[in-house]
Amino acid sequence: MQAVSYEDIRQTSSEVARDQEREAFDRGIALMEAARDDPEATGPRHAAIRYMQTLWSFLIRDLSDPANGLSDELKGNLMSIGLWTIRESDAILAGQSDNWAGLIDINRTVREGLSA
């Protein structure tokens, strides 16, 4: 039987979490693209906004946790992106903005950063 160290478990756990985060962003980006491509349909718009706001609310809570090991600067930057995403999606929902491109671009950039 092979001995497994805590570091091996922690590394595997971290990789699984990153994969899940990438999948979550992939789903959100796909929902936003569908909403952008059919601006008259309210269903896709509501689904995309609800999904992204839920995702970012979860991530902001995680980033706020003192046990989160990311640097304070990175956590602050990600929280700022998350808050901007929530505000911008609120503006889209209220009919005050149609900035799907900005939302998709910034969330795609964050998603690509998870692969690094």
PDB file of N, CA and C in Angstrom:
ATOM      1  N   MET A   1       0.849  -1.179   0.000  1.00  0.00           N
ATOM      2  CA  MET A   1       0.000   0.000   0.000  1.00  0.00           C
ATOM      3  C   MET A   1       0.890   1.236   0.000  1.00  0.00           C
ATOM      4  N   GLN A   2       0.555   2.176  -0.831  1.00  0.00           N
ATOM      5  CA  GLN A   2       1.361   3.389  -0.958  1.00  0.00           C
ATOM      6  C   GLN A   2       0.940   4.403   0.105  1.00  0.00           C
ATOM      7  N   ALA A   3       1.926   5.018   0.731  1.00  0.00           N
ATOM      8  CA  ALA A   3       1.644   6.052   1.721  1.00  0.00           C
ATOM      9  C   ALA A   3       1.265   7.335   0.994  1.00  0.00           C
ATOM     10  N   VAL A   4       0.210   7.989   1.462  1.00  0.00           N
ATOM     11  CA  VAL A   4      -0.251   9.235   0.870  1.00  0.00           C
ATOM     12  C   VAL A   4      -0.036  10.339   1.895  1.00  0.00           C
ATOM     13  N   SER A   5       0.641  11.377   1.465  1.00  0.00           N
ATOM     14  CA  SER A   5       0.908  12.468   2.391  1.00  0.00           C
ATOM     15  C   SER A   5      -0.229  13.489   2.372  1.00  0.00           C
ATOM     16  N   TYR A   6      -0.300  14.269   3.420  1.00  0.00           N
ATOM     17  CA  TYR A   6      -1.280  15.346   3.487  1.00  0.00           C
ATOM     18  C   TYR A   6      -1.113  16.293   2.301  1.00  0.00           C
ATOM     19  N   GLU A   7       0.129  16.555   1.912  1.00  0.00           N
ATOM     20  CA  GLU A   7       0.398  17.463   0.786  1.00  0.00           C
ATOM     21  C   GLU A   7      -0.194  16.910  -0.509  1.00  0.00           C
ATOM     22  N   ASP A   8      -0.099  15.582  -0.698  1.00  0.00           N
ATOM     23  CA  ASP A   8      -0.694  14.962  -1.891  1.00  0.00           C
ATOM     24  C   ASP A   8      -2.204  15.149  -1.899  1.00  0.00           C
ATOM     25  N   ILE A   9      -2.825  14.944  -0.771  1.00  0.00           N
ATOM     26  CA  ILE A   9      -4.281  15.103  -0.655  1.00  0.00           C
ATOM     27  C   ILE A   9      -4.669  16.558  -0.873  1.00  0.00           C
ATOM     28  N   ARG A  10      -3.932  17.459  -0.259  1.00  0.00           N
ATOM     29  CA  ARG A  10      -4.224  18.881  -0.392  1.00  0.00           C
ATOM     30  C   ARG A  10      -4.083  19.328  -1.841  1.00  0.00           C
ATOM     31  N   GLN A  11      -3.045  18.863  -2.518  1.00  0.00           N
ATOM     32  CA  GLN A  11      -2.808  19.224  -3.917  1.00  0.00           C
ATOM     33  C   GLN A  11      -3.947  18.701  -4.801  1.00  0.00           C
ATOM     34  N   THR A  12      -4.325  17.439  -4.595  1.00  0.00           N
ATOM     35  CA  THR A  12      -5.411  16.844  -5.373  1.00  0.00           C
ATOM     36  C   THR A  12      -6.707  17.584  -5.106  1.00  0.00           C
ATOM     37  N   SER A  13      -6.962  17.902  -3.882  1.00  0.00           N
ATOM     38  CA  SER A  13      -8.160  18.637  -3.490  1.00  0.00           C
ATOM     39  C   SER A  13      -8.202  20.006  -4.161  1.00  0.00           C
ATOM     40  N   SER A  14      -7.076  20.671  -4.194  1.00  0.00           N
ATOM     41  CA  SER A  14      -6.971  21.977  -4.827  1.00  0.00           C
ATOM     42  C   SER A  14      -7.217  21.884  -6.327  1.00  0.00           C
ATOM     43  N   GLU A  15      -6.681  20.853  -6.964  1.00  0.00           N
ATOM     44  CA  GLU A  15      -6.872  20.660  -8.403  1.00  0.00           C
ATOM     45  C   GLU A  15      -8.336  20.390  -8.732  1.00  0.00           C
ATOM     46  N   VAL A  16      -8.999  19.594  -7.911  1.00  0.00           N
ATOM     47  CA  VAL A  16     -10.419  19.308  -8.113  1.00  0.00           C
ATOM     48  C   VAL A  16     -11.230  20.592  -7.955  1.00  0.00           C
ATOM     49  N   ALA A  17     -10.900  21.390  -6.959  1.00  0.00           N
ATOM     50  CA  ALA A  17     -11.607  22.655  -6.752  1.00  0.00           C
ATOM     51  C   ALA A  17     -11.410  23.585  -7.949  1.00  0.00           C
ATOM     52  N   ARG A  18     -10.206  23.680  -8.471  1.00  0.00           N
ATOM     53  CA  ARG A  18      -9.943  24.518  -9.646  1.00  0.00           C
ATOM     54  C   ARG A  18     -10.752  24.042 -10.844  1.00  0.00           C
ATOM     55  N   ASP A  19     -10.811  22.719 -11.032  1.00  0.00           N
ATOM     56  CA  ASP A  19     -11.605  22.173 -12.139  1.00  0.00           C
ATOM     57  C   ASP A  19     -13.074  22.565 -11.986  1.00  0.00           C
ATOM     58  N   GLN A  20     -13.579  22.487 -10.780  1.00  0.00           N
ATOM     59  CA  GLN A  20     -14.977  22.855 -10.533  1.00  0.00           C
ATOM     60  C   GLN A  20     -15.202  24.346 -10.771  1.00  0.00           C
ATOM     61  N   GLU A  21     -14.252  25.157 -10.363  1.00  0.00           N
ATOM     62  CA  GLU A  21     -14.371  26.601 -10.604  1.00  0.00           C
ATOM     63  C   GLU A  21     -14.364  26.900 -12.104  1.00  0.00           C
ATOM     64  N   ARG A  22     -13.471  26.248 -12.846  1.00  0.00           N
ATOM     65  CA  ARG A  22     -13.432  26.438 -14.302  1.00  0.00           C
ATOM     66  C   ARG A  22     -14.763  26.030 -14.934  1.00  0.00           C
ATOM     67  N   GLU A  23     -15.304  24.909 -14.519  1.00  0.00           N
ATOM     68  CA  GLU A  23     -16.592  24.447 -15.037  1.00  0.00           C
ATOM     69  C   GLU A  23     -17.705  25.437 -14.707  1.00  0.00           C
ATOM     70  N   ALA A  24     -17.675  25.995 -13.514  1.00  0.00           N
ATOM     71  CA  ALA A  24     -18.691  26.969 -13.120  1.00  0.00           C
ATOM     72  C   ALA A  24     -18.606  28.216 -14.000  1.00  0.00           C
ATOM     73  N   PHE A  25     -17.401  28.693 -14.253  1.00  0.00           N
ATOM     74  CA  PHE A  25     -17.241  29.854 -15.134  1.00  0.00           C
ATOM     75  C   PHE A  25     -17.628  29.513 -16.572  1.00  0.00           C
ATOM     76  N   ASP A  26     -17.272  28.312 -17.036  1.00  0.00           N
ATOM     77  CA  ASP A  26     -17.666  27.902 -18.387  1.00  0.00           C
ATOM     78  C   ASP A  26     -19.181  27.945 -18.539  1.00  0.00           C
ATOM     79  N   ARG A  27     -19.891  27.440 -17.552  1.00  0.00           N
ATOM     80  CA  ARG A  27     -21.364  27.443 -17.599  1.00  0.00           C
ATOM     81  C   ARG A  27     -21.895  28.864 -17.600  1.00  0.00           C
ATOM     82  N   GLY A  28     -21.368  29.706 -16.725  1.00  0.00           N
ATOM     83  CA  GLY A  28     -21.817  31.097 -16.665  1.00  0.00           C
ATOM     84  C   GLY A  28     -21.554  31.851 -17.961  1.00  0.00           C
ATOM     85  N   ILE A  29     -20.395  31.634 -18.540  1.00  0.00           N
ATOM     86  CA  ILE A  29     -20.053  32.291 -19.807  1.00  0.00           C
ATOM     87  C   ILE A  29     -20.999  31.826 -20.903  1.00  0.00           C
ATOM     88  N   ALA A  30     -21.291  30.535 -20.945  1.00  0.00           N
ATOM     89  CA  ALA A  30     -22.226  30.011 -21.950  1.00  0.00           C
ATOM     90  C   ALA A  30     -23.616  30.629 -21.768  1.00  0.00           C
ATOM     91  N   LEU A  31     -24.061  30.771 -20.533  1.00  0.00           N
ATOM     92  CA  LEU A  31     -25.366  31.393 -20.271  1.00  0.00           C
ATOM     93  C   LEU A  31     -25.376  32.855 -20.710  1.00  0.00           C
ATOM     94  N   MET A  32     -24.287  33.576 -20.426  1.00  0.00           N
ATOM     95  CA  MET A  32     -24.227  34.980 -20.832  1.00  0.00           C
ATOM     96  C   MET A  32     -24.187  35.116 -22.348  1.00  0.00           C
ATOM     97  N   GLU A  33     -23.469  34.231 -23.013  1.00  0.00           N
ATOM     98  CA  GLU A  33     -23.421  34.278 -24.479  1.00  0.00           C
ATOM     99  C   GLU A  33     -24.804  34.014 -25.074  1.00  0.00           C
ATOM    100  N   ALA A  34     -25.550  33.072 -24.487  1.00  0.00           N
ATOM    101  CA  ALA A  34     -26.904  32.790 -24.962  1.00  0.00           C
ATOM    102  C   ALA A  34     -27.805  34.006 -24.758  1.00  0.00           C
ATOM    103  N   ALA A  35     -27.654  34.682 -23.629  1.00  0.00           N
ATOM    104  CA  ALA A  35     -28.459  35.881 -23.355  1.00  0.00           C
ATOM    105  C   ALA A  35     -28.090  37.003 -24.319  1.00  0.00           C
ATOM    106  N   ARG A  36     -26.820  37.168 -24.573  1.00  0.00           N
ATOM    107  CA  ARG A  36     -26.356  38.194 -25.511  1.00  0.00           C
ATOM    108  C   ARG A  36     -26.880  37.929 -26.921  1.00  0.00           C
ATOM    109  N   ASP A  37     -26.888  36.667 -27.311  1.00  0.00           N
ATOM    110  CA  ASP A  37     -27.282  36.298 -28.668  1.00  0.00           C
ATOM    111  C   ASP A  37     -28.787  36.351 -28.908  1.00  0.00           C
ATOM    112  N   ASP A  38     -29.575  36.422 -27.834  1.00  0.00           N
ATOM    113  CA  ASP A  38     -31.035  36.503 -27.970  1.00  0.00           C
ATOM    114  C   ASP A  38     -31.559  37.597 -27.039  1.00  0.00           C
ATOM    115  N   PRO A  39     -31.292  38.852 -27.382  1.00  0.00           N
ATOM    116  CA  PRO A  39     -31.599  39.960 -26.471  1.00  0.00           C
ATOM    117  C   PRO A  39     -33.090  40.143 -26.172  1.00  0.00           C
ATOM    118  N   GLU A  40     -33.960  39.614 -27.006  1.00  0.00           N
ATOM    119  CA  GLU A  40     -35.402  39.766 -26.777  1.00  0.00           C
ATOM    120  C   GLU A  40     -35.943  38.758 -25.763  1.00  0.00           C
ATOM    121  N   ALA A  41     -35.229  37.665 -25.550  1.00  0.00           N
ATOM    122  CA  ALA A  41     -35.696  36.614 -24.637  1.00  0.00           C
ATOM    123  C   ALA A  41     -35.297  36.940 -23.204  1.00  0.00           C
ATOM    124  N   THR A  42     -36.286  37.004 -22.325  1.00  0.00           N
ATOM    125  CA  THR A  42     -35.980  37.327 -20.925  1.00  0.00           C
ATOM    126  C   THR A  42     -35.468  36.117 -20.147  1.00  0.00           C
ATOM    127  N   GLY A  43     -35.875  34.899 -20.544  1.00  0.00           N
ATOM    128  CA  GLY A  43     -35.448  33.699 -19.821  1.00  0.00           C
ATOM    129  C   GLY A  43     -33.942  33.535 -19.765  1.00  0.00           C
ATOM    130  N   PRO A  44     -33.278  33.570 -20.917  1.00  0.00           N
ATOM    131  CA  PRO A  44     -31.817  33.434 -20.884  1.00  0.00           C
ATOM    132  C   PRO A  44     -31.129  34.567 -20.115  1.00  0.00           C
ATOM    133  N   ARG A  45     -31.645  35.771 -20.219  1.00  0.00           N
ATOM    134  CA  ARG A  45     -31.052  36.912 -19.505  1.00  0.00           C
ATOM    135  C   ARG A  45     -31.150  36.694 -18.000  1.00  0.00           C
ATOM    136  N   HIS A  46     -32.334  36.312 -17.526  1.00  0.00           N
ATOM    137  CA  HIS A  46     -32.519  36.077 -16.088  1.00  0.00           C
ATOM    138  C   HIS A  46     -31.671  34.907 -15.601  1.00  0.00           C
ATOM    139  N   ALA A  47     -31.609  33.841 -16.405  1.00  0.00           N
ATOM    140  CA  ALA A  47     -30.808  32.672 -16.009  1.00  0.00           C
ATOM    141  C   ALA A  47     -29.337  33.028 -15.892  1.00  0.00           C
ATOM    142  N   ALA A  48     -28.818  33.780 -16.863  1.00  0.00           N
ATOM    143  CA  ALA A  48     -27.402  34.168 -16.844  1.00  0.00           C
ATOM    144  C   ALA A  48     -27.090  35.061 -15.651  1.00  0.00           C
ATOM    145  N   ILE A  49     -27.940  36.030 -15.416  1.00  0.00           N
ATOM    146  CA  ILE A  49     -27.698  36.966 -14.317  1.00  0.00           C
ATOM    147  C   ILE A  49     -27.798  36.266 -12.971  1.00  0.00           C
ATOM    148  N   ARG A  50     -28.836  35.461 -12.797  1.00  0.00           N
ATOM    149  CA  ARG A  50     -29.006  34.740 -11.530  1.00  0.00           C
ATOM    150  C   ARG A  50     -27.799  33.835 -11.282  1.00  0.00           C
ATOM    151  N   TYR A  51     -27.348  33.132 -12.324  1.00  0.00           N
ATOM    152  CA  TYR A  51     -26.219  32.217 -12.186  1.00  0.00           C
ATOM    153  C   TYR A  51     -24.941  32.964 -11.804  1.00  0.00           C
ATOM    154  N   MET A  52     -24.628  34.025 -12.554  1.00  0.00           N
ATOM    155  CA  MET A  52     -23.381  34.747 -12.292  1.00  0.00           C
ATOM    156  C   MET A  52     -23.403  35.444 -10.940  1.00  0.00           C
ATOM    157  N   GLN A  53     -24.538  35.989 -10.547  1.00  0.00           N
ATOM    158  CA  GLN A  53     -24.609  36.631  -9.236  1.00  0.00           C
ATOM    159  C   GLN A  53     -24.453  35.610  -8.116  1.00  0.00           C
ATOM    160  N   THR A  54     -25.026  34.435  -8.296  1.00  0.00           N
ATOM    161  CA  THR A  54     -24.866  33.376  -7.296  1.00  0.00           C
ATOM    162  C   THR A  54     -23.421  32.911  -7.236  1.00  0.00           C
ATOM    163  N   LEU A  55     -22.807  32.708  -8.401  1.00  0.00           N
ATOM    164  CA  LEU A  55     -21.403  32.284  -8.451  1.00  0.00           C
ATOM    165  C   LEU A  55     -20.508  33.291  -7.753  1.00  0.00           C
ATOM    166  N   TRP A  56     -20.653  34.566  -8.110  1.00  0.00           N
ATOM    167  CA  TRP A  56     -19.782  35.578  -7.512  1.00  0.00           C
ATOM    168  C   TRP A  56     -20.080  35.796  -6.037  1.00  0.00           C
ATOM    169  N   SER A  57     -21.313  35.662  -5.616  1.00  0.00           N
ATOM    170  CA  SER A  57     -21.620  35.777  -4.179  1.00  0.00           C
ATOM    171  C   SER A  57     -20.900  34.684  -3.397  1.00  0.00           C
ATOM    172  N   PHE A  58     -20.924  33.473  -3.942  1.00  0.00           N
ATOM    173  CA  PHE A  58     -20.207  32.368  -3.310  1.00  0.00           C
ATOM    174  C   PHE A  58     -18.707  32.641  -3.272  1.00  0.00           C
ATOM    175  N   LEU A  59     -18.152  33.077  -4.405  1.00  0.00           N
ATOM    176  CA  LEU A  59     -16.711  33.332  -4.466  1.00  0.00           C
ATOM    177  C   LEU A  59     -16.294  34.459  -3.529  1.00  0.00           C
ATOM    178  N   ILE A  60     -17.082  35.519  -3.455  1.00  0.00           N
ATOM    179  CA  ILE A  60     -16.756  36.637  -2.560  1.00  0.00           C
ATOM    180  C   ILE A  60     -16.765  36.173  -1.108  1.00  0.00           C
ATOM    181  N   ARG A  61     -17.748  35.341  -0.738  1.00  0.00           N
ATOM    182  CA  ARG A  61     -17.764  34.799   0.628  1.00  0.00           C
ATOM    183  C   ARG A  61     -16.499  33.991   0.886  1.00  0.00           C
ATOM    184  N   ASP A  62     -16.111  33.160  -0.083  1.00  0.00           N
ATOM    185  CA  ASP A  62     -14.900  32.348   0.070  1.00  0.00           C
ATOM    186  C   ASP A  62     -13.657  33.231   0.157  1.00  0.00           C
ATOM    187  N   LEU A  63     -13.589  34.255  -0.680  1.00  0.00           N
ATOM    188  CA  LEU A  63     -12.432  35.152  -0.662  1.00  0.00           C
ATOM    189  C   LEU A  63     -12.346  35.945   0.635  1.00  0.00           C
ATOM    190  N   SER A  64     -13.475  36.169   1.281  1.00  0.00           N
ATOM    191  CA  SER A  64     -13.514  36.920   2.544  1.00  0.00           C
ATOM    192  C   SER A  64     -13.106  36.077   3.744  1.00  0.00           C
ATOM    193  N   ASP A  65     -13.083  34.786   3.575  1.00  0.00           N
ATOM    194  CA  ASP A  65     -12.740  33.878   4.667  1.00  0.00           C
ATOM    195  C   ASP A  65     -11.264  34.029   5.011  1.00  0.00           C
ATOM    196  N   PRO A  66     -10.943  34.255   6.287  1.00  0.00           N
ATOM    197  CA  PRO A  66      -9.538  34.405   6.682  1.00  0.00           C
ATOM    198  C   PRO A  66      -8.685  33.174   6.356  1.00  0.00           C
ATOM    199  N   ALA A  67      -9.312  32.019   6.213  1.00  0.00           N
ATOM    200  CA  ALA A  67      -8.565  30.804   5.903  1.00  0.00           C
ATOM    201  C   ALA A  67      -8.197  30.715   4.420  1.00  0.00           C
ATOM    202  N   ASN A  68      -8.738  31.599   3.598  1.00  0.00           N
ATOM    203  CA  ASN A  68      -8.405  31.595   2.178  1.00  0.00           C
ATOM    204  C   ASN A  68      -6.932  31.963   2.031  1.00  0.00           C
ATOM    205  N   GLY A  69      -6.181  31.123   1.324  1.00  0.00           N
ATOM    206  CA  GLY A  69      -4.733  31.282   1.250  1.00  0.00           C
ATOM    207  C   GLY A  69      -4.215  32.214   0.168  1.00  0.00           C
ATOM    208  N   LEU A  70      -5.101  32.807  -0.620  1.00  0.00           N
ATOM    209  CA  LEU A  70      -4.632  33.736  -1.651  1.00  0.00           C
ATOM    210  C   LEU A  70      -4.079  35.007  -1.015  1.00  0.00           C
ATOM    211  N   SER A  71      -3.262  35.713  -1.750  1.00  0.00           N
ATOM    212  CA  SER A  71      -2.716  36.976  -1.234  1.00  0.00           C
ATOM    213  C   SER A  71      -3.847  37.985  -1.066  1.00  0.00           C
ATOM    214  N   ASP A  72      -3.668  38.914  -0.158  1.00  0.00           N
ATOM    215  CA  ASP A  72      -4.679  39.937   0.074  1.00  0.00           C
ATOM    216  C   ASP A  72      -4.939  40.758  -1.181  1.00  0.00           C
ATOM    217  N   GLU A  73      -3.884  41.033  -1.939  1.00  0.00           N
ATOM    218  CA  GLU A  73      -4.045  41.814  -3.166  1.00  0.00           C
ATOM    219  C   GLU A  73      -4.910  41.066  -4.180  1.00  0.00           C
ATOM    220  N   LEU A  74      -4.628  39.787  -4.377  1.00  0.00           N
ATOM    221  CA  LEU A  74      -5.402  39.001  -5.325  1.00  0.00           C
ATOM    222  C   LEU A  74      -6.849  38.857  -4.865  1.00  0.00           C
ATOM    223  N   LYS A  75      -7.037  38.604  -3.578  1.00  0.00           N
ATOM    224  CA  LYS A  75      -8.399  38.502  -3.056  1.00  0.00           C
ATOM    225  C   LYS A  75      -9.154  39.808  -3.279  1.00  0.00           C
ATOM    226  N   GLY A  76      -8.519  40.923  -3.016  1.00  0.00           N
ATOM    227  CA  GLY A  76      -9.160  42.224  -3.216  1.00  0.00           C
ATOM    228  C   GLY A  76      -9.521  42.461  -4.672  1.00  0.00           C
ATOM    229  N   ASN A  77      -8.608  42.115  -5.572  1.00  0.00           N
ATOM    230  CA  ASN A  77      -8.879  42.282  -7.005  1.00  0.00           C
ATOM    231  C   ASN A  77     -10.044  41.409  -7.460  1.00  0.00           C
ATOM    232  N   LEU A  78     -10.064  40.160  -7.022  1.00  0.00           N
ATOM    233  CA  LEU A  78     -11.145  39.265  -7.400  1.00  0.00           C
ATOM    234  C   LEU A  78     -12.484  39.716  -6.811  1.00  0.00           C
ATOM    235  N   MET A  79     -12.463  40.179  -5.576  1.00  0.00           N
ATOM    236  CA  MET A  79     -13.700  40.684  -4.981  1.00  0.00           C
ATOM    237  C   MET A  79     -14.213  41.902  -5.740  1.00  0.00           C
ATOM    238  N   SER A  80     -13.315  42.763  -6.166  1.00  0.00           N
ATOM    239  CA  SER A  80     -13.721  43.931  -6.961  1.00  0.00           C
ATOM    240  C   SER A  80     -14.363  43.508  -8.276  1.00  0.00           C
ATOM    241  N   ILE A  81     -13.788  42.507  -8.921  1.00  0.00           N
ATOM    242  CA  ILE A  81     -14.355  41.988 -10.163  1.00  0.00           C
ATOM    243  C   ILE A  81     -15.742  41.400  -9.894  1.00  0.00           C
ATOM    244  N   GLY A  82     -15.849  40.658  -8.818  1.00  0.00           N
ATOM    245  CA  GLY A  82     -17.134  40.060  -8.471  1.00  0.00           C
ATOM    246  C   GLY A  82     -18.204  41.103  -8.192  1.00  0.00           C
ATOM    247  N   LEU A  83     -17.851  42.131  -7.444  1.00  0.00           N
ATOM    248  CA  LEU A  83     -18.818  43.189  -7.151  1.00  0.00           C
ATOM    249  C   LEU A  83     -19.204  43.943  -8.412  1.00  0.00           C
ATOM    250  N   TRP A  84     -18.234  44.187  -9.297  1.00  0.00           N
ATOM    251  CA  TRP A  84     -18.536  44.839 -10.572  1.00  0.00           C
ATOM    252  C   TRP A  84     -19.483  43.968 -11.397  1.00  0.00           C
ATOM    253  N   THR A  85     -19.213  42.659 -11.434  1.00  0.00           N
ATOM    254  CA  THR A  85     -20.070  41.736 -12.179  1.00  0.00           C
ATOM    255  C   THR A  85     -21.499  41.787 -11.650  1.00  0.00           C
ATOM    256  N   ILE A  86     -21.650  41.789 -10.350  1.00  0.00           N
ATOM    257  CA  ILE A  86     -22.985  41.842  -9.744  1.00  0.00           C
ATOM    258  C   ILE A  86     -23.679  43.158 -10.084  1.00  0.00           C
ATOM    259  N   ARG A  87     -22.967  44.278  -9.966  1.00  0.00           N
ATOM    260  CA  ARG A  87     -23.565  45.587 -10.289  1.00  0.00           C
ATOM    261  C   ARG A  87     -23.917  45.692 -11.768  1.00  0.00           C
ATOM    262  N   GLU A  88     -23.028  45.246 -12.630  1.00  0.00           N
ATOM    263  CA  GLU A  88     -23.264  45.334 -14.070  1.00  0.00           C
ATOM    264  C   GLU A  88     -24.430  44.444 -14.484  1.00  0.00           C
ATOM    265  N   SER A  89     -24.531  43.280 -13.888  1.00  0.00           N
ATOM    266  CA  SER A  89     -25.651  42.406 -14.229  1.00  0.00           C
ATOM    267  C   SER A  89     -26.968  42.960 -13.686  1.00  0.00           C
ATOM    268  N   ASP A  90     -26.926  43.636 -12.537  1.00  0.00           N
ATOM    269  CA  ASP A  90     -28.117  44.343 -12.047  1.00  0.00           C
ATOM    270  C   ASP A  90     -28.561  45.404 -13.050  1.00  0.00           C
ATOM    271  N   ALA A  91     -27.604  46.130 -13.617  1.00  0.00           N
ATOM    272  CA  ALA A  91     -27.919  47.174 -14.596  1.00  0.00           C
ATOM    273  C   ALA A  91     -28.527  46.564 -15.861  1.00  0.00           C
ATOM    274  N   ILE A  92     -28.044  45.421 -16.281  1.00  0.00           N
ATOM    275  CA  ILE A  92     -28.620  44.742 -17.448  1.00  0.00           C
ATOM    276  C   ILE A  92     -30.053  44.332 -17.138  1.00  0.00           C
ATOM    277  N   LEU A  93     -30.259  43.763 -15.980  1.00  0.00           N
ATOM    278  CA  LEU A  93     -31.594  43.319 -15.584  1.00  0.00           C
ATOM    279  C   LEU A  93     -32.567  44.491 -15.515  1.00  0.00           C
ATOM    280  N   ALA A  94     -32.082  45.652 -15.086  1.00  0.00           N
ATOM    281  CA  ALA A  94     -32.922  46.844 -14.973  1.00  0.00           C
ATOM    282  C   ALA A  94     -33.094  47.555 -16.311  1.00  0.00           C
ATOM    283  N   GLY A  95     -32.444  47.065 -17.358  1.00  0.00           N
ATOM    284  CA  GLY A  95     -32.549  47.696 -18.665  1.00  0.00           C
ATOM    285  C   GLY A  95     -31.701  48.943 -18.802  1.00  0.00           C
ATOM    286  N   GLN A  96     -30.731  49.139 -17.901  1.00  0.00           N
ATOM    287  CA  GLN A  96     -29.870  50.313 -17.919  1.00  0.00           C
ATOM    288  C   GLN A  96     -28.549  50.054 -18.644  1.00  0.00           C
ATOM    289  N   SER A  97     -28.312  48.804 -19.010  1.00  0.00           N
ATOM    290  CA  SER A  97     -27.060  48.437 -19.675  1.00  0.00           C
ATOM    291  C   SER A  97     -27.319  47.222 -20.558  1.00  0.00           C
ATOM    292  N   ASP A  98     -26.451  47.042 -21.512  1.00  0.00           N
ATOM    293  CA  ASP A  98     -26.472  45.858 -22.366  1.00  0.00           C
ATOM    294  C   ASP A  98     -25.027  45.377 -22.549  1.00  0.00           C
ATOM    295  N   ASN A  99     -24.247  45.486 -21.492  1.00  0.00           N
ATOM    296  CA  ASN A  99     -22.812  45.230 -21.554  1.00  0.00           C
ATOM    297  C   ASN A  99     -22.469  43.752 -21.375  1.00  0.00           C
ATOM    298  N   TRP A 100     -23.100  42.893 -22.174  1.00  0.00           N
ATOM    299  CA  TRP A 100     -22.758  41.480 -22.105  1.00  0.00           C
ATOM    300  C   TRP A 100     -21.295  41.241 -22.468  1.00  0.00           C
ATOM    301  N   ALA A 101     -20.798  41.986 -23.448  1.00  0.00           N
ATOM    302  CA  ALA A 101     -19.413  41.790 -23.888  1.00  0.00           C
ATOM    303  C   ALA A 101     -18.438  42.018 -22.737  1.00  0.00           C
ATOM    304  N   GLY A 102     -18.650  43.071 -21.963  1.00  0.00           N
ATOM    305  CA  GLY A 102     -17.774  43.348 -20.822  1.00  0.00           C
ATOM    306  C   GLY A 102     -17.842  42.253 -19.779  1.00  0.00           C
ATOM    307  N   LEU A 103     -19.067  41.802 -19.472  1.00  0.00           N
ATOM    308  CA  LEU A 103     -19.226  40.726 -18.489  1.00  0.00           C
ATOM    309  C   LEU A 103     -18.573  39.436 -18.968  1.00  0.00           C
ATOM    310  N   ILE A 104     -18.791  39.113 -20.212  1.00  0.00           N
ATOM    311  CA  ILE A 104     -18.215  37.880 -20.757  1.00  0.00           C
ATOM    312  C   ILE A 104     -16.695  37.975 -20.769  1.00  0.00           C
ATOM    313  N   ASP A 105     -16.151  39.089 -21.217  1.00  0.00           N
ATOM    314  CA  ASP A 105     -14.693  39.240 -21.296  1.00  0.00           C
ATOM    315  C   ASP A 105     -14.030  39.129 -19.933  1.00  0.00           C
ATOM    316  N   ILE A 106     -14.542  39.845 -18.942  1.00  0.00           N
ATOM    317  CA  ILE A 106     -13.883  39.832 -17.627  1.00  0.00           C
ATOM    318  C   ILE A 106     -14.005  38.464 -16.970  1.00  0.00           C
ATOM    319  N   ASN A 107     -15.154  37.818 -17.132  1.00  0.00           N
ATOM    320  CA  ASN A 107     -15.311  36.493 -16.535  1.00  0.00           C
ATOM    321  C   ASN A 107     -14.503  35.445 -17.282  1.00  0.00           C
ATOM    322  N   ARG A 108     -14.332  35.606 -18.582  1.00  0.00           N
ATOM    323  CA  ARG A 108     -13.470  34.701 -19.345  1.00  0.00           C
ATOM    324  C   ARG A 108     -12.016  34.874 -18.883  1.00  0.00           C
ATOM    325  N   THR A 109     -11.609  36.101 -18.631  1.00  0.00           N
ATOM    326  CA  THR A 109     -10.243  36.363 -18.154  1.00  0.00           C
ATOM    327  C   THR A 109     -10.007  35.687 -16.791  1.00  0.00           C
ATOM    328  N   VAL A 110     -10.979  35.811 -15.902  1.00  0.00           N
ATOM    329  CA  VAL A 110     -10.854  35.153 -14.594  1.00  0.00           C
ATOM    330  C   VAL A 110     -10.791  33.639 -14.783  1.00  0.00           C
ATOM    331  N   ARG A 111     -11.642  33.117 -15.632  1.00  0.00           N
ATOM    332  CA  ARG A 111     -11.659  31.678 -15.898  1.00  0.00           C
ATOM    333  C   ARG A 111     -10.315  31.202 -16.431  1.00  0.00           C
ATOM    334  N   GLU A 112      -9.739  31.956 -17.362  1.00  0.00           N
ATOM    335  CA  GLU A 112      -8.436  31.578 -17.916  1.00  0.00           C
ATOM    336  C   GLU A 112      -7.353  31.642 -16.852  1.00  0.00           C
ATOM    337  N   GLY A 113      -7.494  32.545 -15.901  1.00  0.00           N
ATOM    338  CA  GLY A 113      -6.535  32.623 -14.800  1.00  0.00           C
ATOM    339  C   GLY A 113      -6.553  31.391 -13.911  1.00  0.00           C
ATOM    340  N   LEU A 114      -7.657  30.682 -13.900  1.00  0.00           N
ATOM    341  CA  LEU A 114      -7.746  29.450 -13.096  1.00  0.00           C
ATOM    342  C   LEU A 114      -6.918  28.330 -13.699  1.00  0.00           C
ATOM    343  N   SER A 115      -6.586  28.459 -14.981  1.00  0.00           N
ATOM    344  CA  SER A 115      -5.777  27.442 -15.648  1.00  0.00           C
ATOM    345  C   SER A 115      -4.289  27.676 -15.433  1.00  0.00           C
ATOM    346  N   ALA A 116      -3.946  28.850 -14.974  1.00  0.00           N
ATOM    347  CA  ALA A 116      -2.529  29.206 -14.820  1.00  0.00           C
ATOM    348  C   ALA A 116      -1.917  28.579 -13.599  1.00  0.00           C
TER     349      ALA A 116
END
